[in-house]
N, C-alpha and C. Protein backbone atom coordinates (compact mmCIF):
# COMPACT_ATOMS: atom_id res chain seq x y z
N MET A 1 19.88 -14.89 -11.23
CA MET A 1 18.53 -14.41 -11.37
C MET A 1 18.58 -12.94 -11.24
N GLN A 2 17.82 -12.28 -12.25
CA GLN A 2 17.84 -10.88 -12.30
C GLN A 2 16.99 -10.23 -11.28
N THR A 3 17.58 -9.06 -10.74
CA THR A 3 16.85 -8.19 -9.88
C THR A 3 16.42 -7.02 -10.73
N ILE A 4 15.18 -6.63 -10.65
CA ILE A 4 14.74 -5.30 -11.23
C ILE A 4 14.22 -4.36 -10.09
N ALA A 5 14.57 -3.23 -10.24
CA ALA A 5 14.19 -2.05 -9.33
C ALA A 5 13.04 -1.25 -9.92
N VAL A 6 12.09 -1.18 -9.10
CA VAL A 6 10.95 -0.36 -9.38
C VAL A 6 11.02 0.86 -8.69
N ILE A 7 10.92 1.91 -9.28
CA ILE A 7 11.18 3.27 -8.77
C ILE A 7 9.94 4.21 -8.79
N ASP A 8 9.72 5.06 -7.89
CA ASP A 8 8.73 6.26 -8.00
C ASP A 8 9.20 7.40 -7.34
N PHE A 9 8.97 8.60 -7.74
CA PHE A 9 9.22 9.79 -7.41
C PHE A 9 7.92 10.60 -6.98
N GLU A 10 8.14 11.48 -5.84
CA GLU A 10 7.07 12.50 -5.66
C GLU A 10 7.83 13.85 -5.87
N THR A 11 7.24 14.73 -6.57
CA THR A 11 7.88 15.97 -7.09
C THR A 11 7.24 17.24 -6.88
N THR A 12 7.81 18.25 -7.09
CA THR A 12 7.14 19.71 -7.10
C THR A 12 6.47 20.16 -8.25
N GLY A 13 6.74 19.30 -9.37
CA GLY A 13 6.26 19.76 -10.62
C GLY A 13 6.34 18.70 -11.57
N LEU A 14 5.91 18.98 -12.86
CA LEU A 14 5.76 17.98 -13.94
C LEU A 14 7.04 17.51 -14.55
N GLY A 15 8.20 18.26 -14.39
CA GLY A 15 9.42 17.79 -14.92
C GLY A 15 10.62 18.71 -14.62
N PRO A 16 11.79 18.19 -14.55
CA PRO A 16 12.94 19.14 -14.18
C PRO A 16 13.20 20.26 -15.23
N GLY A 17 12.76 20.14 -16.32
CA GLY A 17 12.94 21.12 -17.51
C GLY A 17 12.05 22.38 -17.03
N ALA A 18 11.03 22.04 -16.24
CA ALA A 18 10.13 23.19 -15.88
C ALA A 18 10.48 23.66 -14.47
N GLY A 19 11.55 23.21 -13.88
CA GLY A 19 12.03 23.55 -12.57
C GLY A 19 11.52 22.71 -11.53
N GLY A 20 10.90 21.59 -11.83
CA GLY A 20 10.35 20.68 -10.75
C GLY A 20 11.62 19.98 -10.14
N ARG A 21 11.50 19.50 -8.95
CA ARG A 21 12.46 18.88 -8.23
C ARG A 21 11.72 17.74 -7.39
N ALA A 22 12.46 16.71 -7.02
CA ALA A 22 12.09 15.63 -6.39
C ALA A 22 12.05 15.81 -4.80
N THR A 23 10.89 15.36 -4.20
CA THR A 23 10.63 15.47 -2.80
C THR A 23 10.77 14.25 -2.08
N GLU A 24 10.58 13.18 -2.78
CA GLU A 24 10.64 11.83 -2.22
C GLU A 24 10.88 10.72 -3.34
N ILE A 25 11.45 9.67 -2.89
CA ILE A 25 11.91 8.67 -3.71
C ILE A 25 11.70 7.15 -3.16
N ALA A 26 11.35 6.29 -3.82
CA ALA A 26 11.18 4.95 -3.30
C ALA A 26 11.80 4.02 -4.28
N ALA A 27 12.43 2.96 -4.02
CA ALA A 27 12.72 1.84 -4.93
C ALA A 27 12.32 0.58 -4.26
N VAL A 28 11.84 -0.29 -4.92
CA VAL A 28 11.35 -1.68 -4.51
C VAL A 28 12.14 -2.67 -5.46
N LEU A 29 12.86 -3.73 -4.93
CA LEU A 29 13.42 -4.70 -5.59
C LEU A 29 12.64 -5.91 -5.76
N VAL A 30 12.55 -6.50 -7.24
CA VAL A 30 11.91 -7.67 -7.47
C VAL A 30 12.78 -8.73 -7.97
N ARG A 31 12.67 -9.84 -7.42
CA ARG A 31 13.56 -10.89 -8.10
C ARG A 31 12.97 -12.20 -7.81
N GLY A 32 12.87 -13.03 -8.79
CA GLY A 32 12.14 -14.45 -8.79
C GLY A 32 10.91 -14.46 -8.36
N GLY A 33 10.00 -13.48 -8.74
CA GLY A 33 8.71 -13.60 -8.64
C GLY A 33 8.21 -13.04 -7.15
N GLU A 34 9.04 -12.10 -6.70
CA GLU A 34 8.62 -11.65 -5.34
C GLU A 34 9.54 -10.35 -4.96
N ILE A 35 8.89 -9.58 -4.03
CA ILE A 35 9.49 -8.40 -3.65
C ILE A 35 10.47 -8.73 -2.67
N VAL A 36 11.84 -8.30 -2.86
CA VAL A 36 12.91 -8.74 -1.97
C VAL A 36 13.54 -7.54 -1.03
N GLY A 37 13.16 -6.26 -1.32
CA GLY A 37 13.79 -5.28 -0.53
C GLY A 37 13.21 -4.03 -0.96
N SER A 38 13.30 -2.88 -0.22
CA SER A 38 12.76 -1.57 -0.51
C SER A 38 13.64 -0.31 0.06
N TYR A 39 13.63 0.75 -0.49
CA TYR A 39 14.24 1.83 -0.06
C TYR A 39 13.44 3.08 -0.12
N GLN A 40 13.30 3.96 0.83
CA GLN A 40 12.41 5.22 0.75
C GLN A 40 12.84 6.29 1.54
N SER A 41 12.97 7.56 0.96
CA SER A 41 13.39 8.71 1.69
C SER A 41 12.78 9.84 1.11
N LEU A 42 12.38 10.79 2.05
CA LEU A 42 12.14 12.15 1.68
C LEU A 42 13.43 12.77 1.38
N MET A 43 13.56 13.84 0.64
CA MET A 43 14.69 14.39 0.08
C MET A 43 14.51 16.05 0.01
N ASN A 44 15.39 16.71 0.67
CA ASN A 44 15.42 18.06 0.81
C ASN A 44 16.19 18.77 -0.42
N SER A 45 15.40 19.24 -1.49
CA SER A 45 16.11 19.82 -2.61
C SER A 45 16.16 21.27 -2.55
N GLY A 46 15.84 21.90 -1.41
CA GLY A 46 15.69 23.31 -1.22
C GLY A 46 14.82 24.03 -2.02
N VAL A 47 13.71 23.52 -2.34
CA VAL A 47 12.57 24.10 -3.07
C VAL A 47 11.35 24.09 -2.37
N TRP A 48 10.51 25.01 -2.77
CA TRP A 48 9.22 25.16 -2.10
C TRP A 48 8.08 24.28 -2.68
N VAL A 49 7.29 23.64 -1.83
CA VAL A 49 6.14 22.78 -2.31
C VAL A 49 4.99 23.69 -2.25
N PRO A 50 4.44 23.74 -3.47
CA PRO A 50 3.10 24.42 -3.63
C PRO A 50 2.02 23.90 -2.90
N PRO A 51 0.96 24.55 -2.45
CA PRO A 51 -0.04 23.89 -1.58
C PRO A 51 -0.84 22.84 -2.32
N PHE A 52 -0.97 22.94 -3.63
CA PHE A 52 -1.76 21.80 -4.36
C PHE A 52 -1.01 20.47 -4.22
N ILE A 53 0.39 20.63 -4.35
CA ILE A 53 1.20 19.48 -4.19
C ILE A 53 1.16 18.83 -3.02
N GLU A 54 1.21 19.69 -1.91
CA GLU A 54 1.21 19.18 -0.50
C GLU A 54 -0.08 18.56 -0.32
N GLN A 55 -1.28 19.03 -0.91
CA GLN A 55 -2.50 18.49 -0.58
C GLN A 55 -2.44 17.14 -1.24
N LEU A 56 -2.05 16.97 -2.49
CA LEU A 56 -2.02 15.75 -3.26
C LEU A 56 -1.16 14.72 -2.54
N THR A 57 -0.02 15.04 -2.16
CA THR A 57 1.03 14.04 -1.71
C THR A 57 1.05 13.99 -0.07
N GLY A 58 0.76 15.04 0.60
CA GLY A 58 0.78 14.95 1.97
C GLY A 58 2.18 15.44 2.41
N ILE A 59 3.07 15.64 1.57
CA ILE A 59 4.47 16.10 1.88
C ILE A 59 4.51 17.64 1.87
N SER A 60 4.91 17.99 3.22
CA SER A 60 4.89 19.35 3.54
C SER A 60 6.23 20.18 3.45
N ASN A 61 6.36 21.42 3.36
CA ASN A 61 7.50 22.00 3.44
C ASN A 61 8.28 21.87 4.70
N ALA A 62 7.55 21.79 5.92
CA ALA A 62 7.93 21.34 7.16
C ALA A 62 8.74 20.18 7.14
N MET A 63 8.01 19.12 6.59
CA MET A 63 8.70 17.68 6.58
C MET A 63 10.05 17.77 5.71
N LEU A 64 10.04 18.42 4.76
CA LEU A 64 11.32 18.54 3.92
C LEU A 64 12.28 19.18 4.55
N ALA A 65 12.06 20.14 5.44
CA ALA A 65 13.08 20.92 6.14
C ALA A 65 13.83 20.04 7.04
N GLN A 66 13.12 18.83 7.38
CA GLN A 66 13.93 17.88 8.31
C GLN A 66 14.43 16.70 7.49
N ALA A 67 14.21 16.75 6.21
CA ALA A 67 14.77 15.50 5.41
C ALA A 67 16.20 15.63 5.05
N PRO A 68 16.77 14.49 4.75
CA PRO A 68 18.19 14.51 4.27
C PRO A 68 18.33 15.25 2.97
N ASP A 69 19.56 15.69 2.66
CA ASP A 69 19.86 16.54 1.38
C ASP A 69 19.55 15.47 0.16
N SER A 70 19.08 16.01 -0.93
CA SER A 70 18.69 15.28 -2.10
C SER A 70 19.95 14.46 -2.66
N ALA A 71 21.01 15.18 -2.59
CA ALA A 71 22.19 14.61 -3.14
C ALA A 71 22.62 13.35 -2.42
N ARG A 72 22.62 13.34 -1.15
CA ARG A 72 22.92 12.23 -0.22
C ARG A 72 21.78 11.07 -0.59
N VAL A 73 20.50 11.43 -0.69
CA VAL A 73 19.42 10.45 -0.94
C VAL A 73 19.77 9.83 -2.16
N MET A 74 20.14 10.49 -3.34
CA MET A 74 20.34 9.92 -4.62
C MET A 74 21.43 9.01 -4.59
N ARG A 75 22.68 9.38 -3.88
CA ARG A 75 23.69 8.55 -3.88
C ARG A 75 23.40 7.24 -3.25
N GLU A 76 22.38 7.29 -2.23
CA GLU A 76 22.03 6.08 -1.43
C GLU A 76 21.20 5.30 -2.35
N VAL A 77 20.15 5.80 -3.21
CA VAL A 77 19.30 4.94 -4.01
C VAL A 77 20.00 4.45 -5.05
N ALA A 78 21.05 5.19 -5.59
CA ALA A 78 22.02 4.73 -6.84
C ALA A 78 22.61 3.48 -6.31
N GLU A 79 23.23 3.56 -5.08
CA GLU A 79 23.83 2.49 -4.75
C GLU A 79 22.90 1.10 -4.38
N PHE A 80 21.77 1.39 -3.94
CA PHE A 80 20.65 0.37 -3.65
C PHE A 80 20.34 -0.39 -4.92
N THR A 81 20.26 0.40 -5.97
CA THR A 81 19.73 -0.03 -7.26
C THR A 81 20.88 -0.32 -8.21
N ARG A 82 22.02 -0.41 -7.74
CA ARG A 82 23.31 -0.61 -8.66
C ARG A 82 23.21 -1.97 -9.33
N GLY A 83 23.30 -1.89 -10.76
CA GLY A 83 23.37 -3.10 -11.47
C GLY A 83 21.89 -3.60 -11.88
N CYS A 84 20.81 -2.82 -11.46
CA CYS A 84 19.42 -3.26 -11.54
C CYS A 84 18.87 -2.40 -12.81
N PRO A 85 18.24 -3.19 -13.65
CA PRO A 85 17.42 -2.39 -14.66
C PRO A 85 16.19 -1.85 -13.84
N LEU A 86 15.56 -0.82 -14.52
CA LEU A 86 14.59 -0.04 -13.74
C LEU A 86 13.08 -0.20 -14.49
N VAL A 87 12.15 -0.06 -13.60
CA VAL A 87 10.79 -0.07 -14.05
C VAL A 87 10.09 1.07 -13.30
N ALA A 88 9.17 1.83 -14.03
CA ALA A 88 8.37 2.71 -13.34
C ALA A 88 7.02 2.89 -13.99
N HIS A 89 5.96 3.33 -13.32
CA HIS A 89 4.67 3.56 -13.96
C HIS A 89 4.63 5.13 -14.58
N ASN A 90 4.30 5.25 -15.78
CA ASN A 90 4.77 6.33 -16.60
C ASN A 90 6.15 6.68 -16.52
N ALA A 91 6.96 5.75 -17.08
CA ALA A 91 8.44 5.84 -16.69
C ALA A 91 9.09 7.18 -17.36
N SER A 92 8.59 7.77 -18.43
CA SER A 92 9.04 9.08 -18.95
C SER A 92 9.15 10.03 -17.86
N PHE A 93 8.30 10.09 -16.94
CA PHE A 93 8.25 11.10 -15.88
C PHE A 93 9.36 10.84 -14.81
N ASP A 94 9.42 9.54 -14.45
CA ASP A 94 10.47 9.17 -13.44
C ASP A 94 11.74 9.17 -14.00
N ARG A 95 11.93 8.91 -15.29
CA ARG A 95 13.21 8.84 -15.91
C ARG A 95 13.83 10.24 -16.02
N GLY A 96 13.01 11.15 -16.22
CA GLY A 96 13.40 12.52 -16.35
C GLY A 96 14.08 12.94 -15.00
N PHE A 97 13.38 12.73 -13.86
CA PHE A 97 13.90 13.24 -12.61
C PHE A 97 14.97 12.25 -12.09
N TRP A 98 14.92 10.90 -12.42
CA TRP A 98 16.01 9.98 -12.02
C TRP A 98 17.37 10.60 -12.49
N PHE A 99 17.60 10.80 -13.77
CA PHE A 99 18.75 11.24 -14.28
C PHE A 99 19.17 12.66 -13.96
N HIS A 100 18.21 13.57 -13.85
CA HIS A 100 18.41 14.88 -13.45
C HIS A 100 18.94 15.03 -11.99
N GLU A 101 18.28 14.31 -11.07
CA GLU A 101 18.63 14.20 -9.76
C GLU A 101 20.08 13.52 -9.47
N LEU A 102 20.30 12.57 -10.31
CA LEU A 102 21.64 11.81 -10.29
C LEU A 102 22.69 12.82 -10.75
N GLU A 103 22.50 13.47 -11.78
CA GLU A 103 23.51 14.37 -12.23
C GLU A 103 23.70 15.43 -11.23
N ARG A 104 22.74 16.12 -10.60
CA ARG A 104 22.88 17.01 -9.68
C ARG A 104 23.57 16.60 -8.45
N ALA A 105 23.45 15.21 -8.23
CA ALA A 105 24.07 14.77 -7.03
C ALA A 105 25.60 14.39 -7.34
N GLY A 106 25.94 14.51 -8.60
CA GLY A 106 27.30 14.04 -9.00
C GLY A 106 27.54 12.49 -9.23
N CYS A 107 26.41 11.81 -9.38
CA CYS A 107 26.53 10.54 -9.47
C CYS A 107 26.70 10.02 -10.97
N GLU A 108 27.60 9.14 -11.35
CA GLU A 108 27.77 8.61 -12.49
C GLU A 108 26.61 7.59 -12.91
N ARG A 109 26.20 7.72 -14.28
CA ARG A 109 25.16 6.88 -14.68
C ARG A 109 25.55 5.42 -14.72
N ASP A 110 24.58 4.57 -14.29
CA ASP A 110 24.92 3.15 -14.25
C ASP A 110 24.26 2.58 -15.57
N SER A 111 25.14 1.86 -16.42
CA SER A 111 24.60 1.49 -17.66
C SER A 111 23.49 0.46 -17.55
N ALA A 112 23.33 -0.16 -16.45
CA ALA A 112 22.08 -1.03 -16.28
C ALA A 112 20.80 -0.34 -15.95
N HIS A 113 20.81 1.00 -15.87
CA HIS A 113 19.66 1.68 -15.44
C HIS A 113 18.81 2.01 -16.78
N GLU A 114 18.42 1.00 -17.36
CA GLU A 114 17.45 1.26 -18.47
C GLU A 114 15.96 1.09 -17.92
N PHE A 115 15.09 1.83 -18.61
CA PHE A 115 13.61 1.85 -17.94
C PHE A 115 12.68 1.01 -18.84
N ALA A 116 11.85 0.41 -18.15
CA ALA A 116 10.60 -0.13 -18.81
C ALA A 116 9.50 0.31 -18.11
N CYS A 117 8.34 0.48 -18.88
CA CYS A 117 7.30 1.44 -18.37
C CYS A 117 6.00 0.48 -18.27
N THR A 118 5.41 0.38 -17.03
CA THR A 118 4.16 -0.43 -16.81
C THR A 118 3.06 0.09 -17.53
N VAL A 119 3.08 1.59 -17.78
CA VAL A 119 1.90 2.06 -18.54
C VAL A 119 1.89 1.65 -19.98
N LEU A 120 3.06 1.69 -20.64
CA LEU A 120 3.08 1.12 -22.12
C LEU A 120 2.78 -0.29 -22.14
N LEU A 121 3.33 -1.08 -21.15
CA LEU A 121 3.03 -2.52 -21.03
C LEU A 121 1.59 -2.84 -20.84
N ALA A 122 1.06 -2.05 -19.97
CA ALA A 122 -0.47 -2.37 -19.69
C ALA A 122 -1.28 -1.99 -20.91
N ARG A 123 -1.00 -1.06 -21.71
CA ARG A 123 -1.79 -0.77 -22.96
C ARG A 123 -1.71 -1.90 -23.90
N ARG A 124 -0.78 -2.63 -23.92
CA ARG A 124 -0.53 -3.73 -24.75
C ARG A 124 -1.20 -5.02 -24.30
N LEU A 125 -0.94 -5.13 -22.90
CA LEU A 125 -1.45 -6.50 -22.25
C LEU A 125 -2.92 -6.42 -21.80
N TYR A 126 -3.40 -5.22 -21.47
CA TYR A 126 -4.69 -5.24 -20.79
C TYR A 126 -5.58 -4.17 -21.50
N PRO A 127 -5.80 -4.44 -22.75
CA PRO A 127 -6.71 -3.35 -23.54
C PRO A 127 -8.10 -3.39 -22.94
N GLU A 128 -8.44 -4.34 -22.13
CA GLU A 128 -9.94 -4.34 -21.59
C GLU A 128 -9.90 -3.49 -20.29
N ALA A 129 -8.77 -3.18 -19.78
CA ALA A 129 -8.78 -2.23 -18.51
C ALA A 129 -9.41 -0.94 -18.91
N PRO A 130 -10.22 -0.42 -17.91
CA PRO A 130 -10.94 0.95 -18.22
C PRO A 130 -9.84 2.02 -18.59
N ASN A 131 -8.66 2.02 -17.92
CA ASN A 131 -7.51 3.01 -18.42
C ASN A 131 -6.36 2.48 -17.79
N CYS A 132 -5.19 3.10 -18.04
CA CYS A 132 -3.96 2.73 -17.41
C CYS A 132 -3.27 3.44 -16.21
N LYS A 133 -4.24 4.10 -15.47
CA LYS A 133 -3.72 4.76 -14.22
C LYS A 133 -3.40 3.61 -13.37
N LEU A 134 -2.40 3.82 -12.42
CA LEU A 134 -2.10 2.91 -11.53
C LEU A 134 -3.23 2.50 -10.49
N GLY A 135 -3.86 3.28 -10.10
CA GLY A 135 -4.97 2.90 -9.08
C GLY A 135 -6.01 2.11 -9.88
N THR A 136 -6.29 2.53 -11.15
CA THR A 136 -7.31 1.62 -11.77
C THR A 136 -6.81 0.18 -12.11
N LEU A 137 -5.47 0.02 -12.58
CA LEU A 137 -4.95 -1.23 -12.69
C LEU A 137 -5.01 -2.16 -11.54
N ALA A 138 -4.55 -1.37 -10.34
CA ALA A 138 -4.45 -2.06 -9.09
C ALA A 138 -5.89 -2.71 -8.73
N GLN A 139 -6.98 -1.81 -8.95
CA GLN A 139 -8.29 -2.36 -8.68
C GLN A 139 -8.65 -3.46 -9.71
N PHE A 140 -8.25 -3.26 -10.96
CA PHE A 140 -8.53 -4.29 -11.99
C PHE A 140 -8.00 -5.57 -11.80
N HIS A 141 -6.72 -5.67 -11.33
CA HIS A 141 -6.14 -6.99 -10.96
C HIS A 141 -6.26 -7.31 -9.53
N ALA A 142 -7.03 -6.55 -8.68
CA ALA A 142 -7.20 -6.82 -7.24
C ALA A 142 -5.75 -6.96 -6.65
N LEU A 143 -4.83 -5.99 -6.78
CA LEU A 143 -3.52 -6.16 -6.31
C LEU A 143 -3.67 -5.65 -4.78
N PRO A 144 -2.58 -6.17 -4.03
CA PRO A 144 -2.69 -5.59 -2.51
C PRO A 144 -2.77 -4.15 -2.34
N ASP A 145 -3.53 -3.76 -1.18
CA ASP A 145 -3.57 -2.41 -1.04
C ASP A 145 -2.33 -1.72 -0.30
N MET A 146 -1.58 -1.02 -0.96
CA MET A 146 -0.40 -0.56 -0.28
C MET A 146 -0.42 0.73 0.45
N GLY A 147 -1.50 1.40 0.56
CA GLY A 147 -1.74 2.51 1.37
C GLY A 147 -2.00 3.71 0.58
N ARG A 148 -1.74 5.01 1.05
CA ARG A 148 -2.09 6.16 0.18
C ARG A 148 -1.27 6.30 -1.04
N ALA A 149 -2.05 6.61 -2.07
CA ALA A 149 -1.44 6.86 -3.33
C ALA A 149 -0.89 8.21 -3.32
N HIS A 150 0.09 8.49 -4.24
CA HIS A 150 1.01 9.70 -4.28
C HIS A 150 1.90 9.86 -3.10
N ARG A 151 2.25 8.63 -2.58
CA ARG A 151 3.38 8.65 -1.59
C ARG A 151 4.43 7.57 -2.53
N ALA A 152 5.62 7.92 -2.37
CA ALA A 152 6.56 7.09 -3.31
C ALA A 152 6.59 5.70 -2.96
N LEU A 153 6.75 5.26 -1.70
CA LEU A 153 6.83 3.84 -1.30
C LEU A 153 5.43 3.01 -1.64
N ALA A 154 4.32 3.67 -1.41
CA ALA A 154 3.18 2.99 -1.72
C ALA A 154 3.08 2.83 -3.28
N ASP A 155 3.22 3.73 -3.99
CA ASP A 155 3.12 3.71 -5.49
C ASP A 155 4.24 2.70 -6.07
N ALA A 156 5.48 2.75 -5.54
CA ALA A 156 6.39 1.78 -5.94
C ALA A 156 5.98 0.31 -5.60
N GLN A 157 5.60 0.26 -4.44
CA GLN A 157 4.99 -1.25 -4.19
C GLN A 157 3.90 -1.69 -4.98
N THR A 158 2.92 -0.83 -5.23
CA THR A 158 1.75 -1.03 -6.09
C THR A 158 2.39 -1.41 -7.53
N THR A 159 3.34 -0.60 -8.11
CA THR A 159 3.82 -0.81 -9.36
C THR A 159 4.64 -2.09 -9.48
N ALA A 160 5.41 -2.28 -8.26
CA ALA A 160 6.04 -3.75 -8.16
C ALA A 160 5.04 -4.96 -8.24
N HIS A 161 4.01 -4.84 -7.69
CA HIS A 161 2.97 -5.96 -7.58
C HIS A 161 2.43 -5.93 -9.02
N LEU A 162 2.04 -4.84 -9.79
CA LEU A 162 1.75 -4.93 -11.06
C LEU A 162 2.72 -5.43 -12.08
N LEU A 163 4.01 -5.17 -11.81
CA LEU A 163 5.11 -5.86 -12.61
C LEU A 163 5.15 -7.33 -12.40
N LEU A 164 4.87 -7.72 -11.17
CA LEU A 164 4.92 -9.26 -10.87
C LEU A 164 3.63 -9.99 -11.56
N ARG A 165 2.47 -9.32 -11.64
CA ARG A 165 1.43 -9.66 -12.37
C ARG A 165 1.75 -9.80 -13.85
N MET A 166 2.26 -8.85 -14.51
CA MET A 166 2.59 -8.82 -15.73
C MET A 166 3.65 -9.99 -16.11
N GLN A 167 4.63 -10.17 -15.46
CA GLN A 167 5.57 -11.14 -15.71
C GLN A 167 4.73 -12.64 -15.50
N ALA A 168 3.90 -12.76 -14.71
CA ALA A 168 3.18 -13.96 -14.46
C ALA A 168 2.27 -14.18 -15.67
N ASP A 169 1.60 -13.07 -16.14
CA ASP A 169 0.58 -13.23 -17.23
C ASP A 169 1.25 -13.43 -18.55
N LEU A 170 2.57 -12.89 -18.70
CA LEU A 170 3.34 -12.93 -19.90
C LEU A 170 3.84 -14.46 -20.06
N ALA A 171 4.36 -14.97 -18.89
CA ALA A 171 4.96 -16.41 -18.90
C ALA A 171 3.75 -17.31 -19.10
N GLN A 172 2.55 -17.10 -18.72
CA GLN A 172 1.49 -18.07 -18.97
C GLN A 172 1.08 -17.85 -20.41
N ARG A 173 0.76 -16.65 -20.83
CA ARG A 173 0.39 -16.47 -22.27
C ARG A 173 1.35 -16.89 -23.25
N PHE A 174 2.49 -16.78 -23.08
CA PHE A 174 3.53 -17.15 -24.11
C PHE A 174 4.49 -18.26 -23.48
N ALA A 175 3.84 -19.32 -22.86
CA ALA A 175 4.64 -20.28 -22.35
C ALA A 175 5.27 -21.28 -23.48
N ARG A 176 4.46 -21.31 -24.59
CA ARG A 176 5.09 -22.09 -25.69
C ARG A 176 6.29 -21.38 -26.25
N GLU A 177 6.41 -20.01 -26.49
CA GLU A 177 7.42 -19.40 -27.13
C GLU A 177 8.65 -19.34 -26.15
N LEU A 178 8.28 -19.05 -24.85
CA LEU A 178 9.49 -18.91 -23.90
C LEU A 178 10.04 -20.16 -23.39
N GLY A 179 9.27 -21.24 -23.31
CA GLY A 179 9.90 -22.43 -22.81
C GLY A 179 10.45 -22.24 -21.23
N PRO A 180 11.61 -22.46 -21.09
CA PRO A 180 12.15 -22.35 -19.58
C PRO A 180 12.63 -20.81 -19.34
N LEU A 181 12.54 -19.96 -20.20
CA LEU A 181 12.98 -18.70 -19.99
C LEU A 181 12.14 -17.89 -19.16
N ARG A 182 12.79 -17.08 -18.32
CA ARG A 182 11.85 -16.12 -17.50
C ARG A 182 11.68 -14.77 -18.27
N VAL A 183 10.70 -14.11 -17.63
CA VAL A 183 10.19 -12.99 -18.21
C VAL A 183 11.07 -11.82 -17.61
N GLU A 184 12.26 -11.53 -18.26
CA GLU A 184 13.22 -10.43 -17.71
C GLU A 184 12.97 -9.07 -18.34
N HIS A 185 13.76 -8.16 -17.91
CA HIS A 185 13.73 -6.82 -18.27
C HIS A 185 13.73 -6.60 -19.76
N ALA A 186 14.72 -7.25 -20.20
CA ALA A 186 14.97 -7.11 -21.73
C ALA A 186 13.67 -7.33 -22.63
N LEU A 187 13.11 -8.31 -22.28
CA LEU A 187 11.78 -8.70 -22.89
C LEU A 187 10.69 -7.56 -22.68
N LEU A 188 10.64 -7.03 -21.52
CA LEU A 188 9.74 -6.09 -21.13
C LEU A 188 9.93 -4.80 -22.00
N ALA A 189 11.23 -4.61 -22.10
CA ALA A 189 11.68 -3.31 -22.91
C ALA A 189 11.20 -3.45 -24.38
N ARG A 190 11.30 -4.74 -24.82
CA ARG A 190 10.90 -4.84 -26.38
C ARG A 190 9.31 -4.73 -26.38
N LEU A 191 8.69 -5.42 -25.60
CA LEU A 191 7.25 -5.58 -25.48
C LEU A 191 6.63 -4.04 -25.59
N GLN A 192 7.18 -3.29 -24.72
CA GLN A 192 6.63 -1.88 -24.46
C GLN A 192 6.67 -1.01 -25.80
N ARG A 193 7.51 -1.64 -26.75
CA ARG A 193 7.53 -0.74 -28.02
C ARG A 193 6.93 -1.49 -29.28
N ALA A 194 6.47 -2.77 -28.79
CA ALA A 194 5.83 -3.45 -29.96
C ALA A 194 4.36 -3.06 -30.18
N ALA A 195 3.72 -3.30 -31.40
CA ALA A 195 2.55 -3.02 -31.86
C ALA A 195 1.71 -4.21 -30.98
N LYS A 196 0.48 -3.78 -30.76
CA LYS A 196 -0.53 -4.81 -29.83
C LYS A 196 -0.64 -5.99 -30.55
N THR A 197 -0.53 -5.98 -31.93
CA THR A 197 -0.78 -7.14 -32.67
C THR A 197 0.38 -8.03 -33.01
N ALA A 198 1.42 -7.59 -32.37
CA ALA A 198 2.69 -8.22 -32.72
C ALA A 198 3.33 -8.73 -31.65
N LEU A 199 2.61 -8.89 -30.44
CA LEU A 199 3.31 -9.22 -29.03
C LEU A 199 3.83 -10.54 -29.30
N GLN A 200 3.05 -11.76 -29.91
CA GLN A 200 3.70 -12.99 -30.10
C GLN A 200 5.03 -13.08 -30.77
N ARG A 201 4.99 -12.32 -31.95
CA ARG A 201 6.22 -12.22 -32.86
C ARG A 201 7.50 -11.65 -31.98
N CYS A 202 7.04 -10.68 -31.27
CA CYS A 202 8.12 -9.93 -30.49
C CYS A 202 8.60 -10.96 -29.37
N VAL A 203 7.83 -11.79 -28.65
CA VAL A 203 8.30 -12.68 -27.76
C VAL A 203 9.22 -13.79 -28.56
N SER A 204 8.60 -14.34 -29.59
CA SER A 204 9.35 -15.45 -30.40
C SER A 204 10.75 -14.88 -30.82
N ASP A 205 10.82 -13.57 -31.30
CA ASP A 205 12.08 -13.00 -31.76
C ASP A 205 13.00 -12.79 -30.55
N TYR A 206 12.52 -12.57 -29.37
CA TYR A 206 13.36 -12.39 -28.21
C TYR A 206 13.73 -13.74 -27.81
N ALA A 207 13.00 -14.83 -27.76
CA ALA A 207 13.33 -16.13 -27.14
C ALA A 207 14.04 -16.96 -28.06
N ARG A 208 13.82 -16.89 -29.31
CA ARG A 208 14.53 -17.79 -30.20
C ARG A 208 16.06 -17.88 -30.16
N PRO A 209 16.80 -16.87 -30.08
CA PRO A 209 18.21 -17.07 -30.09
C PRO A 209 18.74 -17.54 -28.75
N GLN A 210 18.03 -17.15 -27.59
CA GLN A 210 18.30 -17.64 -26.34
C GLN A 210 18.15 -19.04 -26.12
N LEU A 211 16.89 -19.48 -26.59
CA LEU A 211 16.80 -20.85 -26.65
C LEU A 211 17.80 -21.73 -27.34
N ALA A 212 18.07 -21.16 -28.63
CA ALA A 212 19.07 -21.90 -29.47
C ALA A 212 20.43 -21.92 -28.73
N ALA A 213 20.88 -20.81 -28.10
CA ALA A 213 22.05 -20.77 -27.49
C ALA A 213 22.16 -21.73 -26.22
N ARG A 214 20.90 -21.88 -25.53
CA ARG A 214 20.82 -22.92 -24.56
C ARG A 214 20.96 -24.19 -24.87
N SER A 215 20.31 -24.58 -26.05
CA SER A 215 20.33 -25.99 -26.65
C SER A 215 21.85 -26.33 -27.23
N SER A 216 22.58 -25.38 -27.65
CA SER A 216 23.78 -25.55 -28.17
C SER A 216 24.75 -25.87 -26.92
N ALA A 217 24.50 -25.05 -25.82
CA ALA A 217 25.43 -25.25 -24.62
C ALA A 217 25.03 -26.69 -23.87
N LEU A 218 23.87 -27.09 -23.97
CA LEU A 218 23.49 -28.50 -23.38
C LEU A 218 24.08 -29.53 -24.29
N ALA A 219 24.04 -29.40 -25.63
CA ALA A 219 24.53 -30.32 -26.53
C ALA A 219 26.17 -30.35 -26.47
N ALA A 220 26.77 -29.29 -26.19
CA ALA A 220 28.28 -29.24 -26.11
C ALA A 220 28.51 -30.02 -24.70
N ASN A 221 27.90 -30.09 -23.77
CA ASN A 221 28.15 -30.64 -22.47
C ASN A 221 27.81 -32.15 -22.61
């Protein structure tokens, strides 16, 4: 059974290319329709947190002064998510920091660490939602309240609940096409790139060879 890691960063800026660094990371593990584990840590990158970021996140320079070194944190979270494909809300943001901070920590890339994005998926699955902000989608689906937004663990937990909702909705909506197959990361990665009008075809193209292989295996036995 596949385990997916949902990650979220808090940072000092919009991207590592503009000098932004991570100040906090969380990873939440999802398997078999439930949350099965989590990791969270502040991380001291040796950078200054601007006042507006401190106000937004509640993460202060004093807090980071007492936090573990960012390289140590990234090594820990890389081990925690080893072998897991990744999901994030607005994944292009988190992907940039993920690979940048891993490289700075001297960690080798895990080939399993491919990203799926719940923003891209929400645009295709929930066009009736007011927008695709995490807080809006949480209210739209009446997801559990995980606490203060713009803290890594709360946002990762909310995203994990959104992922579970998406998996359940996809399984129900495309039950005929999927049959006994689970909604796994590979399908999410395909759907996030599909046209809104081509979701059924995308699911069918994904499921058909897997169902055929399963039938052949059963026939061989």
